Structures are given as structure tokens and as C-alpha cells.
PDB file of N, CA and C in Angstrom:
ATOM      1  N   MET A   1    -316.989  -3.062  93.444  1.00  0.00           N
ATOM      2  CA  MET A   1    -316.479  -2.230  94.500  1.00  0.00           C
ATOM      3  C   MET A   1    -317.206  -2.556  95.794  1.00  0.00           C
ATOM      4  N   MET A   2    -316.538  -2.347  96.889  1.00  0.00           N
ATOM      5  CA  MET A   2    -317.097  -2.680  98.192  1.00  0.00           C
ATOM      6  C   MET A   2    -318.344  -1.868  98.530  1.00  0.00           C
ATOM      7  N   GLU A   3    -318.435  -0.639  98.092  1.00  0.00           N
ATOM      8  CA  GLU A   3    -319.602   0.170  98.439  1.00  0.00           C
ATOM      9  C   GLU A   3    -320.877  -0.311  97.755  1.00  0.00           C
ATOM     10  N   ASP A   4    -320.751  -1.180  96.751  1.00  0.00           N
ATOM     11  CA  ASP A   4    -321.919  -1.721  96.055  1.00  0.00           C
ATOM     12  C   ASP A   4    -322.526  -2.933  96.767  1.00  0.00           C
ATOM     13  N   ILE A   5    -321.825  -3.489  97.740  1.00  0.00           N
ATOM     14  CA  ILE A   5    -322.300  -4.682  98.435  1.00  0.00           C
ATOM     15  C   ILE A   5    -323.239  -4.269  99.563  1.00  0.00           C
ATOM     16  N   LYS A   6    -324.427  -4.882  99.576  1.00  0.00           N
ATOM     17  CA  LYS A   6    -325.402  -4.604 100.617  1.00  0.00           C
ATOM     18  C   LYS A   6    -325.674  -5.878 101.399  1.00  0.00           C
ATOM     19  N   LYS A   7    -325.852  -5.729 102.695  1.00  0.00           N
ATOM     20  CA  LYS A   7    -326.199  -6.867 103.547  1.00  0.00           C
ATOM     21  C   LYS A   7    -327.681  -7.183 103.354  1.00  0.00           C
ATOM     22  N   ILE A   8    -327.995  -8.458 103.205  1.00  0.00           N
ATOM     23  CA  ILE A   8    -329.383  -8.873 103.048  1.00  0.00           C
ATOM     24  C   ILE A   8    -330.059  -8.911 104.422  1.00  0.00           C
ATOM     25  N   ASN A   9    -331.284  -8.407 104.514  1.00  0.00           N
ATOM     26  CA  ASN A   9    -331.989  -8.442 105.794  1.00  0.00           C
ATOM     27  C   ASN A   9    -332.813  -9.730 105.899  1.00  0.00           C
ATOM     28  N   ASP A  10    -333.369  -9.986 107.099  1.00  0.00           N
ATOM     29  CA  ASP A  10    -334.116 -11.227 107.329  1.00  0.00           C
ATOM     30  C   ASP A  10    -335.305 -11.390 106.396  1.00  0.00           C
ATOM     31  N   GLN A  11    -336.026 -10.311 106.129  1.00  0.00           N
ATOM     32  CA  GLN A  11    -337.199 -10.406 105.252  1.00  0.00           C
ATOM     33  C   GLN A  11    -336.782 -10.785 103.832  1.00  0.00           C
ATOM     34  N   ALA A  12    -335.725 -10.181 103.337  1.00  0.00           N
ATOM     35  CA  ALA A  12    -335.246 -10.507 101.995  1.00  0.00           C
ATOM     36  C   ALA A  12    -334.761 -11.953 101.936  1.00  0.00           C
ATOM     37  N   LEU A  13    -334.092 -12.404 102.983  1.00  0.00           N
ATOM     38  CA  LEU A  13    -333.625 -13.783 103.036  1.00  0.00           C
ATOM     39  C   LEU A  13    -334.810 -14.740 103.034  1.00  0.00           C
ATOM     40  N   GLU A  14    -335.829 -14.401 103.796  1.00  0.00           N
ATOM     41  CA  GLU A  14    -337.038 -15.223 103.850  1.00  0.00           C
ATOM     42  C   GLU A  14    -337.704 -15.303 102.479  1.00  0.00           C
ATOM     43  N   ASP A  15    -337.753 -14.169 101.761  1.00  0.00           N
ATOM     44  CA  ASP A  15    -338.358 -14.137 100.426  1.00  0.00           C
ATOM     45  C   ASP A  15    -337.585 -15.015  99.451  1.00  0.00           C
ATOM     46  N   VAL A  16    -336.268 -15.010  99.554  1.00  0.00           N
ATOM     47  CA  VAL A  16    -335.423 -15.785  98.646  1.00  0.00           C
ATOM     48  C   VAL A  16    -335.537 -17.279  98.928  1.00  0.00           C
ATOM     49  N   THR A  17    -335.521 -17.663 100.213  1.00  0.00           N
ATOM     50  CA  THR A  17    -335.500 -19.080 100.565  1.00  0.00           C
ATOM     51  C   THR A  17    -336.882 -19.697 100.648  1.00  0.00           C
ATOM     52  N   GLY A  18    -337.917 -18.855 100.793  1.00  0.00           N
ATOM     53  CA  GLY A  18    -339.262 -19.382 100.911  1.00  0.00           C
ATOM     54  C   GLY A  18    -339.548 -19.977 102.268  1.00  0.00           C
ATOM     55  N   GLY A  19    -338.703 -19.705 103.249  1.00  0.00           N
ATOM     56  CA  GLY A  19    -338.879 -20.266 104.587  1.00  0.00           C
ATOM     57  C   GLY A  19    -339.133 -19.203 105.618  1.00  0.00           C
ATOM     58  N   THR A  20    -339.146 -19.618 106.858  1.00  0.00           N
ATOM     59  CA  THR A  20    -339.348 -18.711 107.964  1.00  0.00           C
ATOM     60  C   THR A  20    -338.076 -18.643 108.777  1.00  0.00           C
ATOM     61  N   VAL A  21    -337.450 -17.485 108.797  1.00  0.00           N
ATOM     62  CA  VAL A  21    -336.184 -17.318 109.497  1.00  0.00           C
ATOM     63  C   VAL A  21    -336.333 -17.626 110.977  1.00  0.00           C
ATOM     64  N   GLY A  22    -337.467 -17.261 111.595  1.00  0.00           N
ATOM     65  CA  GLY A  22    -337.672 -17.431 113.018  1.00  0.00           C
ATOM     66  C   GLY A  22    -337.771 -18.869 113.494  1.00  0.00           C
ATOM     67  N   TYR A  23    -337.914 -19.840 112.597  1.00  0.00           N
ATOM     68  CA  TYR A  23    -338.048 -21.249 112.956  1.00  0.00           C
ATOM     69  C   TYR A  23    -336.761 -21.797 113.557  1.00  0.00           C
ATOM     70  N   GLN A  24    -335.635 -21.289 113.117  1.00  0.00           N
ATOM     71  CA  GLN A  24    -334.350 -21.769 113.606  1.00  0.00           C
ATOM     72  C   GLN A  24    -334.169 -21.411 115.073  1.00  0.00           C
ATOM     73  N   GLY A  25    -333.512 -22.288 115.801  1.00  0.00           N
ATOM     74  CA  GLY A  25    -333.244 -22.068 117.207  1.00  0.00           C
ATOM     75  C   GLY A  25    -334.301 -22.646 118.126  1.00  0.00           C
ATOM     76  N   GLN A  26    -335.457 -23.038 117.579  1.00  0.00           N
ATOM     77  CA  GLN A  26    -336.544 -23.583 118.382  1.00  0.00           C
ATOM     78  C   GLN A  26    -336.175 -24.971 118.904  1.00  0.00           C
ATOM     79  N   TRP A  27    -336.502 -25.241 120.167  1.00  0.00           N
ATOM     80  CA  TRP A  27    -336.251 -26.552 120.763  1.00  0.00           C
ATOM     81  C   TRP A  27    -337.472 -27.439 120.554  1.00  0.00           C
ATOM     82  N   MET A  28    -337.226 -28.676 120.145  1.00  0.00           N
ATOM     83  CA  MET A  28    -338.296 -29.645 119.911  1.00  0.00           C
ATOM     84  C   MET A  28    -337.970 -30.923 120.688  1.00  0.00           C
ATOM     85  N   THR A  29    -339.021 -31.676 121.008  1.00  0.00           N
ATOM     86  CA  THR A  29    -338.872 -32.917 121.760  1.00  0.00           C
ATOM     87  C   THR A  29    -339.196 -34.106 120.865  1.00  0.00           C
ATOM     88  N   VAL A  30    -338.392 -35.163 120.971  1.00  0.00           N
ATOM     89  CA  VAL A  30    -338.649 -36.397 120.228  1.00  0.00           C
ATOM     90  C   VAL A  30    -339.883 -37.057 120.840  1.00  0.00           C
ATOM     91  N   ARG A  31    -340.819 -37.479 119.977  1.00  0.00           N
ATOM     92  CA  ARG A  31    -342.072 -38.083 120.446  1.00  0.00           C
ATOM     93  C   ARG A  31    -342.562 -39.107 119.427  1.00  0.00           C
ATOM     94  N   ASN A  32    -343.536 -39.889 119.808  1.00  0.00           N
ATOM     95  CA  ASN A  32    -344.235 -40.848 118.938  1.00  0.00           C
ATOM     96  C   ASN A  32    -343.398 -42.033 118.472  1.00  0.00           C
ATOM     97  N   LEU A  33    -342.253 -42.297 119.079  1.00  0.00           N
ATOM     98  CA  LEU A  33    -341.498 -43.491 118.698  1.00  0.00           C
ATOM     99  C   LEU A  33    -342.129 -44.702 119.379  1.00  0.00           C
ATOM    100  N   SER A  34    -342.515 -45.681 118.608  1.00  0.00           N
ATOM    101  CA  SER A  34    -343.103 -46.877 119.212  1.00  0.00           C
ATOM    102  C   SER A  34    -342.021 -47.873 119.619  1.00  0.00           C
ATOM    103  N   ASP A  35    -340.917 -47.869 118.894  1.00  0.00           N
ATOM    104  CA  ASP A  35    -339.755 -48.682 119.255  1.00  0.00           C
ATOM    105  C   ASP A  35    -338.537 -48.133 118.526  1.00  0.00           C
ATOM    106  N   GLY A  36    -337.380 -48.586 118.886  1.00  0.00           N
ATOM    107  CA  GLY A  36    -336.155 -48.136 118.241  1.00  0.00           C
ATOM    108  C   GLY A  36    -335.789 -46.706 118.590  1.00  0.00           C
ATOM    109  N   TYR A  37    -335.024 -46.079 117.713  1.00  0.00           N
ATOM    110  CA  TYR A  37    -334.549 -44.722 117.948  1.00  0.00           C
ATOM    111  C   TYR A  37    -334.737 -43.859 116.717  1.00  0.00           C
ATOM    112  N   LEU A  38    -334.667 -42.559 116.920  1.00  0.00           N
ATOM    113  CA  LEU A  38    -334.741 -41.599 115.822  1.00  0.00           C
ATOM    114  C   LEU A  38    -333.315 -41.330 115.357  1.00  0.00           C
ATOM    115  N   ALA A  39    -332.988 -41.793 114.165  1.00  0.00           N
ATOM    116  CA  ALA A  39    -331.633 -41.673 113.639  1.00  0.00           C
ATOM    117  C   ALA A  39    -331.301 -40.238 113.259  1.00  0.00           C
ATOM    118  N   ILE A  40    -330.061 -39.853 113.514  1.00  0.00           N
ATOM    119  CA  ILE A  40    -329.523 -38.576 113.060  1.00  0.00           C
ATOM    120  C   ILE A  40    -328.739 -38.889 111.791  1.00  0.00           C
ATOM    121  N   ARG A  41    -329.055 -38.188 110.697  1.00  0.00           N
ATOM    122  CA  ARG A  41    -328.536 -38.563 109.376  1.00  0.00           C
ATOM    123  C   ARG A  41    -327.720 -37.451 108.720  1.00  0.00           C
ATOM    124  N   THR A  42    -326.846 -37.839 107.812  1.00  0.00           N
ATOM    125  CA  THR A  42    -326.036 -36.875 107.052  1.00  0.00           C
ATOM    126  C   THR A  42    -326.799 -36.277 105.891  1.00  0.00           C
ATOM    127  N   ALA A  43    -327.909 -36.905 105.498  1.00  0.00           N
ATOM    128  CA  ALA A  43    -328.722 -36.439 104.371  1.00  0.00           C
ATOM    129  C   ALA A  43    -330.185 -36.746 104.666  1.00  0.00           C
ATOM    130  N   PRO A  44    -331.114 -36.000 104.050  1.00  0.00           N
ATOM    131  CA  PRO A  44    -332.530 -36.235 104.293  1.00  0.00           C
ATOM    132  C   PRO A  44    -333.068 -37.429 103.505  1.00  0.00           C
ATOM    133  N   ALA A  45    -332.605 -38.608 103.883  1.00  0.00           N
ATOM    134  CA  ALA A  45    -333.044 -39.835 103.215  1.00  0.00           C
ATOM    135  C   ALA A  45    -332.928 -41.004 104.180  1.00  0.00           C
ATOM    136  N   PHE A  46    -333.907 -41.898 104.121  1.00  0.00           N
ATOM    137  CA  PHE A  46    -333.946 -43.078 104.987  1.00  0.00           C
ATOM    138  C   PHE A  46    -333.020 -44.141 104.408  1.00  0.00           C
ATOM    139  N   GLN A  47    -331.758 -44.089 104.812  1.00  0.00           N
ATOM    140  CA  GLN A  47    -330.762 -45.085 104.393  1.00  0.00           C
ATOM    141  C   GLN A  47    -329.852 -45.364 105.584  1.00  0.00           C
ATOM    142  N   TYR A  48    -329.575 -46.623 105.815  1.00  0.00           N
ATOM    143  CA  TYR A  48    -328.722 -47.020 106.933  1.00  0.00           C
ATOM    144  C   TYR A  48    -327.351 -46.356 106.832  1.00  0.00           C
ATOM    145  N   GLU A  49    -326.842 -46.214 105.624  1.00  0.00           N
ATOM    146  CA  GLU A  49    -325.502 -45.673 105.407  1.00  0.00           C
ATOM    147  C   GLU A  49    -325.365 -44.207 105.813  1.00  0.00           C
ATOM    148  N   ASN A  50    -326.460 -43.459 105.841  1.00  0.00           N
ATOM    149  CA  ASN A  50    -326.330 -42.041 106.177  1.00  0.00           C
ATOM    150  C   ASN A  50    -326.611 -41.735 107.654  1.00  0.00           C
ATOM    151  N   GLU A  51    -326.734 -42.759 108.487  1.00  0.00           N
ATOM    152  CA  GLU A  51    -326.866 -42.540 109.927  1.00  0.00           C
ATOM    153  C   GLU A  51    -325.507 -42.127 110.480  1.00  0.00           C
ATOM    154  N   ILE A  52    -325.483 -41.052 111.240  1.00  0.00           N
ATOM    155  CA  ILE A  52    -324.227 -40.565 111.821  1.00  0.00           C
ATOM    156  C   ILE A  52    -323.828 -41.495 112.965  1.00  0.00           C
ATOM    157  N   ASN A  53    -322.756 -42.217 112.784  1.00  0.00           N
ATOM    158  CA  ASN A  53    -322.214 -43.148 113.783  1.00  0.00           C
ATOM    159  C   ASN A  53    -323.272 -44.099 114.338  1.00  0.00           C
ATOM    160  N   HIS A  54    -324.353 -44.282 113.607  1.00  0.00           N
ATOM    161  CA  HIS A  54    -325.445 -45.170 114.013  1.00  0.00           C
ATOM    162  C   HIS A  54    -325.908 -44.872 115.438  1.00  0.00           C
ATOM    163  N   ILE A  55    -326.091 -43.556 115.699  1.00  0.00           N
ATOM    164  CA  ILE A  55    -326.597 -43.089 116.988  1.00  0.00           C
ATOM    165  C   ILE A  55    -328.005 -42.566 116.795  1.00  0.00           C
ATOM    166  N   GLY A  56    -328.749 -42.468 117.873  1.00  0.00           N
ATOM    167  CA  GLY A  56    -330.100 -41.972 117.746  1.00  0.00           C
ATOM    168  C   GLY A  56    -330.650 -41.407 119.035  1.00  0.00           C
ATOM    169  N   LEU A  57    -331.833 -40.849 118.892  1.00  0.00           N
ATOM    170  CA  LEU A  57    -332.519 -40.193 119.999  1.00  0.00           C
ATOM    171  C   LEU A  57    -333.752 -40.988 120.384  1.00  0.00           C
ATOM    172  N   TYR A  58    -334.186 -40.825 121.612  1.00  0.00           N
ATOM    173  CA  TYR A  58    -335.346 -41.540 122.130  1.00  0.00           C
ATOM    174  C   TYR A  58    -336.417 -40.559 122.580  1.00  0.00           C
ATOM    175  N   ASN A  59    -337.646 -41.041 122.775  1.00  0.00           N
ATOM    176  CA  ASN A  59    -338.750 -40.207 123.232  1.00  0.00           C
ATOM    177  C   ASN A  59    -338.333 -39.367 124.438  1.00  0.00           C
ATOM    178  N   GLY A  60    -338.708 -38.090 124.407  1.00  0.00           N
ATOM    179  CA  GLY A  60    -338.427 -37.183 125.514  1.00  0.00           C
ATOM    180  C   GLY A  60    -337.131 -36.402 125.389  1.00  0.00           C
ATOM    181  N   GLU A  61    -336.236 -36.819 124.484  1.00  0.00           N
ATOM    182  CA  GLU A  61    -334.979 -36.086 124.305  1.00  0.00           C
ATOM    183  C   GLU A  61    -335.220 -34.869 123.413  1.00  0.00           C
ATOM    184  N   GLN A  62    -334.392 -33.845 123.589  1.00  0.00           N
ATOM    185  CA  GLN A  62    -334.596 -32.603 122.846  1.00  0.00           C
ATOM    186  C   GLN A  62    -333.499 -32.338 121.829  1.00  0.00           C
ATOM    187  N   VAL A  63    -333.917 -31.635 120.755  1.00  0.00           N
ATOM    188  CA  VAL A  63    -333.002 -31.170 119.718  1.00  0.00           C
ATOM    189  C   VAL A  63    -333.338 -29.711 119.434  1.00  0.00           C
ATOM    190  N   GLN A  64    -332.370 -29.000 118.873  1.00  0.00           N
ATOM    191  CA  GLN A  64    -332.598 -27.609 118.491  1.00  0.00           C
ATOM    192  C   GLN A  64    -332.615 -27.518 116.973  1.00  0.00           C
ATOM    193  N   ILE A  65    -333.647 -26.875 116.427  1.00  0.00           N
ATOM    194  CA  ILE A  65    -333.754 -26.720 114.982  1.00  0.00           C
ATOM    195  C   ILE A  65    -332.632 -25.805 114.493  1.00  0.00           C
ATOM    196  N   ALA A  66    -331.883 -26.280 113.495  1.00  0.00           N
ATOM    197  CA  ALA A  66    -330.743 -25.531 112.975  1.00  0.00           C
ATOM    198  C   ALA A  66    -330.928 -25.138 111.515  1.00  0.00           C
ATOM    199  N   GLY A  67    -332.013 -25.558 110.886  1.00  0.00           N
ATOM    200  CA  GLY A  67    -332.256 -25.236 109.483  1.00  0.00           C
ATOM    201  C   GLY A  67    -333.703 -25.485 109.119  1.00  0.00           C
ATOM    202  N   GLN A  68    -334.072 -25.068 107.941  1.00  0.00           N
ATOM    203  CA  GLN A  68    -335.444 -25.218 107.463  1.00  0.00           C
ATOM    204  C   GLN A  68    -335.752 -26.682 107.138  1.00  0.00           C
ATOM    205  N   PRO A  69    -337.005 -27.099 107.328  1.00  0.00           N
ATOM    206  CA  PRO A  69    -337.399 -28.463 106.951  1.00  0.00           C
ATOM    207  C   PRO A  69    -337.217 -28.686 105.438  1.00  0.00           C
ATOM    208  N   VAL A  70    -336.859 -29.898 105.071  1.00  0.00           N
ATOM    209  CA  VAL A  70    -336.676 -30.244 103.661  1.00  0.00           C
ATOM    210  C   VAL A  70    -337.382 -31.564 103.375  1.00  0.00           C
ATOM    211  N   GLN A  71    -337.780 -31.769 102.134  1.00  0.00           N
ATOM    212  CA  GLN A  71    -338.400 -33.024 101.723  1.00  0.00           C
ATOM    213  C   GLN A  71    -337.315 -34.031 101.375  1.00  0.00           C
ATOM    214  N   GLY A  72    -337.546 -35.249 101.740  1.00  0.00           N
ATOM    215  CA  GLY A  72    -336.607 -36.316 101.435  1.00  0.00           C
ATOM    216  C   GLY A  72    -337.356 -37.616 101.294  1.00  0.00           C
ATOM    217  N   SER A  73    -336.633 -38.720 101.339  1.00  0.00           N
ATOM    218  CA  SER A  73    -337.266 -40.024 101.183  1.00  0.00           C
ATOM    219  C   SER A  73    -337.416 -40.717 102.528  1.00  0.00           C
ATOM    220  N   GLY A  74    -338.522 -41.430 102.667  1.00  0.00           N
ATOM    221  CA  GLY A  74    -338.803 -42.164 103.888  1.00  0.00           C
ATOM    222  C   GLY A  74    -338.682 -43.655 103.660  1.00  0.00           C
ATOM    223  N   ILE A  75    -339.395 -44.412 104.457  1.00  0.00           N
ATOM    224  CA  ILE A  75    -339.367 -45.873 104.354  1.00  0.00           C
ATOM    225  C   ILE A  75    -339.998 -46.304 103.030  1.00  0.00           C
ATOM    226  N   ASN A  76    -339.345 -47.229 102.359  1.00  0.00           N
ATOM    227  CA  ASN A  76    -339.818 -47.792 101.079  1.00  0.00           C
ATOM    228  C   ASN A  76    -340.071 -46.721 100.019  1.00  0.00           C
ATOM    229  N   GLY A  77    -339.255 -45.660 100.011  1.00  0.00           N
ATOM    230  CA  GLY A  77    -339.351 -44.631  98.986  1.00  0.00           C
ATOM    231  C   GLY A  77    -340.458 -43.615  99.185  1.00  0.00           C
ATOM    232  N   THR A  78    -341.185 -43.676 100.303  1.00  0.00           N
ATOM    233  CA  THR A  78    -342.219 -42.675 100.560  1.00  0.00           C
ATOM    234  C   THR A  78    -341.574 -41.315 100.800  1.00  0.00           C
ATOM    235  N   LYS A  79    -342.363 -40.261 100.716  1.00  0.00           N
ATOM    236  CA  LYS A  79    -341.847 -38.924 100.990  1.00  0.00           C
ATOM    237  C   LYS A  79    -341.849 -38.692 102.492  1.00  0.00           C
ATOM    238  N   ALA A  80    -340.879 -37.925 102.971  1.00  0.00           N
ATOM    239  CA  ALA A  80    -340.801 -37.585 104.384  1.00  0.00           C
ATOM    240  C   ALA A  80    -340.227 -36.187 104.512  1.00  0.00           C
ATOM    241  N   THR A  81    -340.592 -35.497 105.579  1.00  0.00           N
ATOM    242  CA  THR A  81    -340.045 -34.183 105.857  1.00  0.00           C
ATOM    243  C   THR A  81    -338.969 -34.333 106.917  1.00  0.00           C
ATOM    244  N   TYR A  82    -337.824 -33.759 106.654  1.00  0.00           N
ATOM    245  CA  TYR A  82    -336.703 -33.823 107.584  1.00  0.00           C
ATOM    246  C   TYR A  82    -336.385 -32.441 108.114  1.00  0.00           C
ATOM    247  N   ALA A  83    -335.954 -32.388 109.367  1.00  0.00           N
ATOM    248  CA  ALA A  83    -335.494 -31.143 109.977  1.00  0.00           C
ATOM    249  C   ALA A  83    -334.002 -31.268 110.217  1.00  0.00           C
ATOM    250  N   TYR A  84    -333.265 -30.187 109.948  1.00  0.00           N
ATOM    251  CA  TYR A  84    -331.839 -30.155 110.242  1.00  0.00           C
ATOM    252  C   TYR A  84    -331.714 -29.659 111.675  1.00  0.00           C
ATOM    253  N   VAL A  85    -331.116 -30.451 112.544  1.00  0.00           N
ATOM    254  CA  VAL A  85    -331.114 -30.151 113.972  1.00  0.00           C
ATOM    255  C   VAL A  85    -329.718 -30.244 114.572  1.00  0.00           C
ATOM    256  N   TYR A  86    -329.604 -29.661 115.765  1.00  0.00           N
ATOM    257  CA  TYR A  86    -328.428 -29.855 116.612  1.00  0.00           C
ATOM    258  C   TYR A  86    -328.871 -30.759 117.753  1.00  0.00           C
ATOM    259  N   ALA A  87    -328.163 -31.863 117.962  1.00  0.00           N
ATOM    260  CA  ALA A  87    -328.470 -32.809 119.038  1.00  0.00           C
ATOM    261  C   ALA A  87    -327.425 -32.645 120.140  1.00  0.00           C
ATOM    262  N   PRO A  88    -327.767 -31.926 121.218  1.00  0.00           N
ATOM    263  CA  PRO A  88    -326.772 -31.685 122.277  1.00  0.00           C
ATOM    264  C   PRO A  88    -326.295 -32.967 122.952  1.00  0.00           C
ATOM    265  N   LYS A  89    -327.127 -34.005 122.965  1.00  0.00           N
ATOM    266  CA  LYS A  89    -326.728 -35.275 123.572  1.00  0.00           C
ATOM    267  C   LYS A  89    -325.445 -35.811 122.937  1.00  0.00           C
ATOM    268  N   PHE A  90    -325.302 -35.598 121.626  1.00  0.00           N
ATOM    269  CA  PHE A  90    -324.144 -36.105 120.898  1.00  0.00           C
ATOM    270  C   PHE A  90    -323.208 -34.999 120.409  1.00  0.00           C
ATOM    271  N   GLY A  91    -323.637 -33.738 120.551  1.00  0.00           N
ATOM    272  CA  GLY A  91    -322.814 -32.621 120.087  1.00  0.00           C
ATOM    273  C   GLY A  91    -322.651 -32.602 118.578  1.00  0.00           C
ATOM    274  N   CYS A  92    -323.715 -32.981 117.849  1.00  0.00           N
ATOM    275  CA  CYS A  92    -323.601 -33.028 116.388  1.00  0.00           C
ATOM    276  C   CYS A  92    -324.849 -32.464 115.718  1.00  0.00           C
ATOM    277  N   TYR A  93    -324.700 -32.137 114.439  1.00  0.00           N
ATOM    278  CA  TYR A  93    -325.792 -31.667 113.594  1.00  0.00           C
ATOM    279  C   TYR A  93    -326.156 -32.768 112.611  1.00  0.00           C
ATOM    280  N   GLY A  94    -327.419 -32.816 112.217  1.00  0.00           N
ATOM    281  CA  GLY A  94    -327.834 -33.778 111.213  1.00  0.00           C
ATOM    282  C   GLY A  94    -329.322 -33.665 110.943  1.00  0.00           C
ATOM    283  N   TYR A  95    -329.804 -34.516 110.048  1.00  0.00           N
ATOM    284  CA  TYR A  95    -331.215 -34.530 109.667  1.00  0.00           C
ATOM    285  C   TYR A  95    -331.957 -35.601 110.465  1.00  0.00           C
ATOM    286  N   VAL A  96    -333.168 -35.264 110.910  1.00  0.00           N
ATOM    287  CA  VAL A  96    -334.048 -36.241 111.551  1.00  0.00           C
ATOM    288  C   VAL A  96    -335.424 -36.138 110.914  1.00  0.00           C
ATOM    289  N   ASN A  97    -336.166 -37.221 110.945  1.00  0.00           N
ATOM    290  CA  ASN A  97    -337.532 -37.220 110.420  1.00  0.00           C
ATOM    291  C   ASN A  97    -338.377 -36.321 111.308  1.00  0.00           C
ATOM    292  N   ALA A  98    -338.902 -35.230 110.727  1.00  0.00           N
ATOM    293  CA  ALA A  98    -339.636 -34.220 111.495  1.00  0.00           C
ATOM    294  C   ALA A  98    -340.947 -34.745 112.068  1.00  0.00           C
ATOM    295  N   TYR A  99    -341.470 -35.850 111.551  1.00  0.00           N
ATOM    296  CA  TYR A  99    -342.711 -36.423 112.074  1.00  0.00           C
ATOM    297  C   TYR A  99    -342.581 -36.745 113.556  1.00  0.00           C
ATOM    298  N   TYR A 100    -341.374 -37.066 113.987  1.00  0.00           N
ATOM    299  CA  TYR A 100    -341.145 -37.500 115.365  1.00  0.00           C
ATOM    300  C   TYR A 100    -340.740 -36.350 116.290  1.00  0.00           C
ATOM    301  N   LEU A 101    -340.925 -35.115 115.853  1.00  0.00           N
ATOM    302  CA  LEU A 101    -340.617 -33.950 116.691  1.00  0.00           C
ATOM    303  C   LEU A 101    -341.897 -33.228 117.061  1.00  0.00           C
ATOM    304  N   GLY A 102    -341.970 -32.757 118.266  1.00  0.00           N
ATOM    305  CA  GLY A 102    -343.155 -32.005 118.669  1.00  0.00           C
ATOM    306  C   GLY A 102    -342.875 -31.065 119.806  1.00  0.00           C
TER     307      GLY A 102
END
């Protein structure tokens, strides 16, 4: 019945997901790139095939955090932390290596 359904509050959501609800919406700047670009990906894994239209961001450009950080694979199978972001430059959402955000 409809009267049995309760809306979950932010604290309960945080407890369930193990994350911090307030992290979303924060603006971050791309930094520490020595060359190339920071790829925007469809999945949290370092694979050429999951780059969205093979576009990327450069030092000084900004993204908005749209989801909690997740663990994925980096170069040569290493572990990496990815952030799900909105990139206004391209008007798209995707995963980026969080190491390059600050």
C-alpha cells in the first residue's frame, strides 16, 4: 500500500551507500597532466574503447562531481580511483581518473 512507502533521507542514503552525499555537485579542476589529456570514459577502467568520442580535458579545465568515487583499473592493470563527473565543455557525463582532479 502507498502509505507504507517512506522516503529515504540523506543520512539513511549515506549509511546504505557508504559514501558522502555532500560530495556531489563539487567543482574540481584538472591538474597534474604532464602530457596528453584526461579521458572521459563510459566505465571506470583504462581502456581506449571506453573513451567517450575520444575527447578529453586539459590542465585548468573544470568538471562537476556527479557521483561517488569508485575503484577501477588503471594503466597495466593497476588500481585507480575514478570520479563520475559532468564535463560542461562537452555537455556529457563520464568517469575520469580522480588522481588528476584537485
